[in-house]
Amino acid sequence: MFKSNVNSEMIRKIFLDNNACESAIRGFCIGKNNWHLIDTIEGAKASAIIYSLAETAKANNLKPYKYFDLLLTEIPRHMDDTNLEFLDNLLPWSEVLPEDCRKLKTQ
């Protein structure tokens, strides 16, 4: 009897659907019919990278537009650097990102 309770408790912690994943790719699936201009493998790879960055920013409660603005401002400033440690501060989960990149937390 005890094992059954333990097992059922463990099962309750496992999501029975993948709604979060499906919601995350919804915009991608809607937009794919409009992307006829991507006609090369390199273009598709670039699109996937940008999309992945945007979704990772959203998953970390960032405003994607502000986050991309930060990336496109900061990375060119370090183009001549051989030390790439500055990139750690630009990762979406970094605690040193400016507050204007973060979404307001809802109560």
N, C-alpha and C. Protein backbone atom coordinates (compact mmCIF):
# COMPACT_ATOMS: atom_id res chain seq x y z
N MET A 1 0.83 -1.19 0.00
CA MET A 1 0.00 0.00 0.00
C MET A 1 0.87 1.25 0.00
N PHE A 2 1.92 1.26 0.81
CA PHE A 2 2.79 2.43 0.89
C PHE A 2 3.48 2.71 -0.44
N LYS A 3 3.96 1.64 -1.09
CA LYS A 3 4.63 1.83 -2.38
C LYS A 3 3.68 2.43 -3.40
N SER A 4 2.46 2.03 -3.36
CA SER A 4 1.47 2.57 -4.29
C SER A 4 1.31 4.07 -4.09
N ASN A 5 1.25 4.51 -2.84
CA ASN A 5 1.14 5.94 -2.57
C ASN A 5 2.36 6.70 -3.05
N VAL A 6 3.53 6.14 -2.84
CA VAL A 6 4.76 6.79 -3.28
C VAL A 6 4.77 6.89 -4.81
N ASN A 7 4.41 5.79 -5.47
CA ASN A 7 4.40 5.81 -6.93
C ASN A 7 3.38 6.78 -7.48
N SER A 8 2.20 6.83 -6.88
CA SER A 8 1.18 7.74 -7.39
C SER A 8 1.59 9.19 -7.14
N GLU A 9 2.31 9.44 -6.06
CA GLU A 9 2.79 10.81 -5.81
C GLU A 9 3.81 11.20 -6.87
N MET A 10 4.68 10.28 -7.24
CA MET A 10 5.67 10.57 -8.27
C MET A 10 4.99 10.82 -9.61
N ILE A 11 3.95 10.06 -9.90
CA ILE A 11 3.24 10.22 -11.16
C ILE A 11 2.57 11.58 -11.24
N ARG A 12 2.06 12.08 -10.12
CA ARG A 12 1.39 13.37 -10.12
C ARG A 12 2.32 14.51 -10.49
N LYS A 13 3.60 14.34 -10.34
CA LYS A 13 4.57 15.39 -10.65
C LYS A 13 4.95 15.40 -12.13
N ILE A 14 4.55 14.39 -12.87
CA ILE A 14 4.88 14.30 -14.29
C ILE A 14 3.72 14.87 -15.09
N PHE A 15 4.02 15.82 -15.97
CA PHE A 15 2.98 16.40 -16.81
C PHE A 15 2.51 15.36 -17.83
N LEU A 16 1.21 15.29 -18.00
CA LEU A 16 0.64 14.31 -18.92
C LEU A 16 0.50 14.85 -20.34
N ASP A 17 0.87 16.09 -20.54
CA ASP A 17 0.79 16.67 -21.88
C ASP A 17 2.04 17.50 -22.13
N ASN A 18 2.16 18.00 -23.33
CA ASN A 18 3.29 18.85 -23.67
C ASN A 18 2.80 20.22 -24.14
N ASN A 19 1.78 20.73 -23.47
CA ASN A 19 1.18 22.01 -23.86
C ASN A 19 2.19 23.14 -23.85
N ALA A 20 3.11 23.16 -22.89
CA ALA A 20 4.10 24.24 -22.83
C ALA A 20 4.97 24.23 -24.07
N CYS A 21 5.37 23.05 -24.50
CA CYS A 21 6.20 22.92 -25.70
C CYS A 21 5.41 23.32 -26.94
N GLU A 22 4.19 22.86 -27.03
CA GLU A 22 3.37 23.19 -28.19
C GLU A 22 3.07 24.68 -28.25
N SER A 23 2.87 25.31 -27.11
CA SER A 23 2.62 26.75 -27.08
C SER A 23 3.86 27.52 -27.52
N ALA A 24 5.03 27.03 -27.16
CA ALA A 24 6.27 27.71 -27.51
C ALA A 24 6.53 27.70 -29.01
N ILE A 25 6.12 26.65 -29.71
CA ILE A 25 6.38 26.60 -31.15
C ILE A 25 5.19 27.05 -32.00
N ARG A 26 4.13 27.49 -31.35
CA ARG A 26 2.93 27.91 -32.09
C ARG A 26 3.24 29.01 -33.10
N GLY A 27 3.94 30.05 -32.67
CA GLY A 27 4.29 31.15 -33.57
C GLY A 27 5.13 30.69 -34.73
N PHE A 28 6.04 29.77 -34.46
CA PHE A 28 6.88 29.23 -35.52
C PHE A 28 6.04 28.49 -36.55
N CYS A 29 5.11 27.67 -36.10
CA CYS A 29 4.26 26.90 -37.01
C CYS A 29 3.34 27.80 -37.83
N ILE A 30 2.82 28.85 -37.21
CA ILE A 30 1.96 29.78 -37.93
C ILE A 30 2.75 30.52 -38.99
N GLY A 31 3.97 30.91 -38.65
CA GLY A 31 4.79 31.70 -39.57
C GLY A 31 5.45 30.91 -40.68
N LYS A 32 5.56 29.61 -40.55
CA LYS A 32 6.33 28.85 -41.53
C LYS A 32 5.78 28.96 -42.95
N ASN A 33 4.49 29.17 -43.10
CA ASN A 33 3.93 29.32 -44.44
C ASN A 33 4.32 30.65 -45.08
N ASN A 34 4.74 31.60 -44.27
CA ASN A 34 5.13 32.91 -44.79
C ASN A 34 6.63 33.01 -45.07
N TRP A 35 7.36 31.98 -44.83
CA TRP A 35 8.81 32.05 -44.95
C TRP A 35 9.32 31.46 -46.26
N HIS A 36 8.68 31.79 -47.34
CA HIS A 36 9.11 31.28 -48.64
C HIS A 36 10.41 31.92 -49.10
N LEU A 37 10.81 33.01 -48.45
CA LEU A 37 12.04 33.68 -48.84
C LEU A 37 13.28 32.96 -48.33
N ILE A 38 13.11 32.07 -47.38
CA ILE A 38 14.25 31.29 -46.89
C ILE A 38 14.45 30.14 -47.86
N ASP A 39 15.42 30.33 -48.75
CA ASP A 39 15.60 29.32 -49.80
C ASP A 39 16.96 28.63 -49.74
N THR A 40 17.70 28.84 -48.65
CA THR A 40 18.99 28.16 -48.52
C THR A 40 19.07 27.51 -47.14
N ILE A 41 19.96 26.57 -47.03
CA ILE A 41 20.20 25.91 -45.75
C ILE A 41 20.74 26.92 -44.73
N GLU A 42 21.65 27.79 -45.18
CA GLU A 42 22.22 28.79 -44.28
C GLU A 42 21.15 29.75 -43.77
N GLY A 43 20.22 30.14 -44.64
CA GLY A 43 19.12 31.00 -44.23
C GLY A 43 18.23 30.33 -43.20
N ALA A 44 17.98 29.04 -43.40
CA ALA A 44 17.16 28.28 -42.45
C ALA A 44 17.88 28.16 -41.11
N LYS A 45 19.19 27.94 -41.14
CA LYS A 45 19.97 27.85 -39.90
C LYS A 45 19.94 29.18 -39.15
N ALA A 46 20.11 30.28 -39.88
CA ALA A 46 20.08 31.60 -39.25
C ALA A 46 18.72 31.86 -38.63
N SER A 47 17.66 31.50 -39.34
CA SER A 47 16.31 31.68 -38.82
C SER A 47 16.10 30.85 -37.55
N ALA A 48 16.60 29.63 -37.55
CA ALA A 48 16.46 28.76 -36.38
C ALA A 48 17.22 29.33 -35.18
N ILE A 49 18.39 29.90 -35.42
CA ILE A 49 19.18 30.48 -34.32
C ILE A 49 18.44 31.67 -33.71
N ILE A 50 17.93 32.56 -34.56
CA ILE A 50 17.21 33.73 -34.07
C ILE A 50 15.95 33.30 -33.31
N TYR A 51 15.23 32.35 -33.87
CA TYR A 51 14.01 31.87 -33.22
C TYR A 51 14.34 31.24 -31.87
N SER A 52 15.41 30.45 -31.82
CA SER A 52 15.82 29.81 -30.58
C SER A 52 16.20 30.85 -29.52
N LEU A 53 16.93 31.89 -29.93
CA LEU A 53 17.29 32.96 -28.99
C LEU A 53 16.05 33.66 -28.45
N ALA A 54 15.10 33.94 -29.33
CA ALA A 54 13.88 34.63 -28.90
C ALA A 54 13.08 33.78 -27.92
N GLU A 55 12.92 32.50 -28.20
CA GLU A 55 12.15 31.63 -27.31
C GLU A 55 12.87 31.40 -25.98
N THR A 56 14.20 31.33 -26.02
CA THR A 56 14.95 31.18 -24.78
C THR A 56 14.83 32.44 -23.93
N ALA A 57 14.82 33.60 -24.58
CA ALA A 57 14.62 34.86 -23.86
C ALA A 57 13.24 34.87 -23.20
N LYS A 58 12.22 34.45 -23.95
CA LYS A 58 10.87 34.41 -23.38
C LYS A 58 10.80 33.44 -22.20
N ALA A 59 11.45 32.29 -22.33
CA ALA A 59 11.43 31.29 -21.26
C ALA A 59 12.12 31.79 -20.00
N ASN A 60 13.00 32.78 -20.16
CA ASN A 60 13.70 33.36 -19.02
C ASN A 60 13.12 34.71 -18.61
N ASN A 61 11.86 34.94 -18.99
CA ASN A 61 11.12 36.16 -18.64
C ASN A 61 11.80 37.44 -19.09
N LEU A 62 12.34 37.41 -20.31
CA LEU A 62 12.93 38.60 -20.91
C LEU A 62 12.02 39.12 -22.01
N LYS A 63 12.16 40.39 -22.32
CA LYS A 63 11.48 40.99 -23.46
C LYS A 63 12.39 40.76 -24.67
N PRO A 64 11.96 39.94 -25.64
CA PRO A 64 12.84 39.58 -26.75
C PRO A 64 13.40 40.79 -27.51
N TYR A 65 12.57 41.81 -27.77
CA TYR A 65 13.06 42.97 -28.53
C TYR A 65 14.18 43.67 -27.77
N LYS A 66 13.97 43.91 -26.48
CA LYS A 66 15.00 44.57 -25.66
C LYS A 66 16.25 43.71 -25.54
N TYR A 67 16.06 42.39 -25.46
CA TYR A 67 17.20 41.47 -25.35
C TYR A 67 18.02 41.50 -26.64
N PHE A 68 17.36 41.46 -27.79
CA PHE A 68 18.09 41.53 -29.06
C PHE A 68 18.79 42.88 -29.21
N ASP A 69 18.14 43.94 -28.76
CA ASP A 69 18.75 45.27 -28.80
C ASP A 69 20.04 45.27 -27.97
N LEU A 70 19.99 44.67 -26.79
CA LEU A 70 21.18 44.57 -25.94
C LEU A 70 22.28 43.77 -26.64
N LEU A 71 21.92 42.62 -27.21
CA LEU A 71 22.91 41.78 -27.89
C LEU A 71 23.57 42.53 -29.05
N LEU A 72 22.74 43.20 -29.85
CA LEU A 72 23.26 43.89 -31.04
C LEU A 72 24.03 45.16 -30.68
N THR A 73 23.89 45.63 -29.47
CA THR A 73 24.66 46.78 -29.00
C THR A 73 25.97 46.34 -28.35
N GLU A 74 25.90 45.30 -27.53
CA GLU A 74 27.07 44.89 -26.75
C GLU A 74 28.07 44.04 -27.53
N ILE A 75 27.61 43.12 -28.33
CA ILE A 75 28.53 42.22 -29.03
C ILE A 75 29.48 42.98 -29.95
N PRO A 76 29.03 43.96 -30.74
CA PRO A 76 29.98 44.70 -31.59
C PRO A 76 31.06 45.44 -30.79
N ARG A 77 30.78 45.81 -29.56
CA ARG A 77 31.77 46.49 -28.73
C ARG A 77 32.95 45.58 -28.37
N HIS A 78 32.76 44.28 -28.49
CA HIS A 78 33.79 43.32 -28.09
C HIS A 78 34.36 42.55 -29.28
N MET A 79 34.17 43.06 -30.47
CA MET A 79 34.60 42.31 -31.67
C MET A 79 36.11 42.06 -31.69
N ASP A 80 36.90 42.95 -31.11
CA ASP A 80 38.35 42.79 -31.12
C ASP A 80 38.88 42.05 -29.90
N ASP A 81 38.00 41.73 -28.97
CA ASP A 81 38.43 41.02 -27.76
C ASP A 81 38.77 39.57 -28.07
N THR A 82 39.82 39.09 -27.43
CA THR A 82 40.13 37.66 -27.53
C THR A 82 39.48 36.90 -26.37
N ASN A 83 39.15 37.61 -25.31
CA ASN A 83 38.49 37.02 -24.16
C ASN A 83 36.97 37.10 -24.36
N LEU A 84 36.33 35.97 -24.43
CA LEU A 84 34.89 35.91 -24.70
C LEU A 84 34.05 35.75 -23.44
N GLU A 85 34.63 36.02 -22.28
CA GLU A 85 33.89 35.86 -21.03
C GLU A 85 32.72 36.83 -20.92
N PHE A 86 32.75 37.92 -21.68
CA PHE A 86 31.64 38.88 -21.65
C PHE A 86 30.33 38.23 -22.09
N LEU A 87 30.44 37.17 -22.89
CA LEU A 87 29.23 36.49 -23.38
C LEU A 87 28.42 35.87 -22.24
N ASP A 88 29.10 35.46 -21.17
CA ASP A 88 28.38 34.89 -20.03
C ASP A 88 27.39 35.88 -19.44
N ASN A 89 27.73 37.16 -19.47
CA ASN A 89 26.83 38.19 -18.94
C ASN A 89 25.67 38.49 -19.87
N LEU A 90 25.73 37.99 -21.10
CA LEU A 90 24.66 38.25 -22.07
C LEU A 90 23.71 37.07 -22.23
N LEU A 91 23.98 35.98 -21.55
CA LEU A 91 23.09 34.82 -21.64
C LEU A 91 21.73 35.16 -21.03
N PRO A 92 20.66 34.60 -21.56
CA PRO A 92 19.31 34.96 -21.09
C PRO A 92 19.08 34.71 -19.61
N TRP A 93 19.79 33.81 -18.99
CA TRP A 93 19.59 33.52 -17.58
C TRP A 93 20.58 34.27 -16.68
N SER A 94 21.39 35.14 -17.27
CA SER A 94 22.35 35.91 -16.50
C SER A 94 21.63 36.87 -15.55
N GLU A 95 22.15 36.97 -14.34
CA GLU A 95 21.54 37.85 -13.35
C GLU A 95 21.98 39.30 -13.51
N VAL A 96 22.95 39.56 -14.38
CA VAL A 96 23.45 40.93 -14.54
C VAL A 96 22.85 41.64 -15.75
N LEU A 97 21.87 41.05 -16.38
CA LEU A 97 21.20 41.73 -17.50
C LEU A 97 20.46 42.96 -16.98
N PRO A 98 20.37 44.01 -17.79
CA PRO A 98 19.65 45.22 -17.34
C PRO A 98 18.18 44.92 -17.05
N GLU A 99 17.64 45.66 -16.12
CA GLU A 99 16.24 45.46 -15.72
C GLU A 99 15.26 45.74 -16.85
N ASP A 100 15.61 46.63 -17.78
CA ASP A 100 14.67 46.93 -18.86
C ASP A 100 14.51 45.77 -19.83
N CYS A 101 15.38 44.77 -19.74
CA CYS A 101 15.23 43.56 -20.56
C CYS A 101 14.26 42.57 -19.93
N ARG A 102 14.01 42.73 -18.66
CA ARG A 102 13.18 41.76 -17.94
C ARG A 102 11.71 42.16 -17.97
N LYS A 103 10.85 41.14 -18.06
CA LYS A 103 9.41 41.38 -17.96
C LYS A 103 9.07 41.63 -16.51
N LEU A 104 8.05 42.43 -16.29
CA LEU A 104 7.58 42.65 -14.93
C LEU A 104 6.95 41.37 -14.42
N LYS A 105 7.25 41.01 -13.19
CA LYS A 105 6.68 39.80 -12.61
C LYS A 105 5.25 40.09 -12.19
N THR A 106 4.34 39.22 -12.61
CA THR A 106 2.94 39.37 -12.22
C THR A 106 2.71 38.66 -10.91
N GLN A 107 1.83 39.19 -10.13
CA GLN A 107 1.57 38.65 -8.80
C GLN A 107 0.69 37.43 -8.89
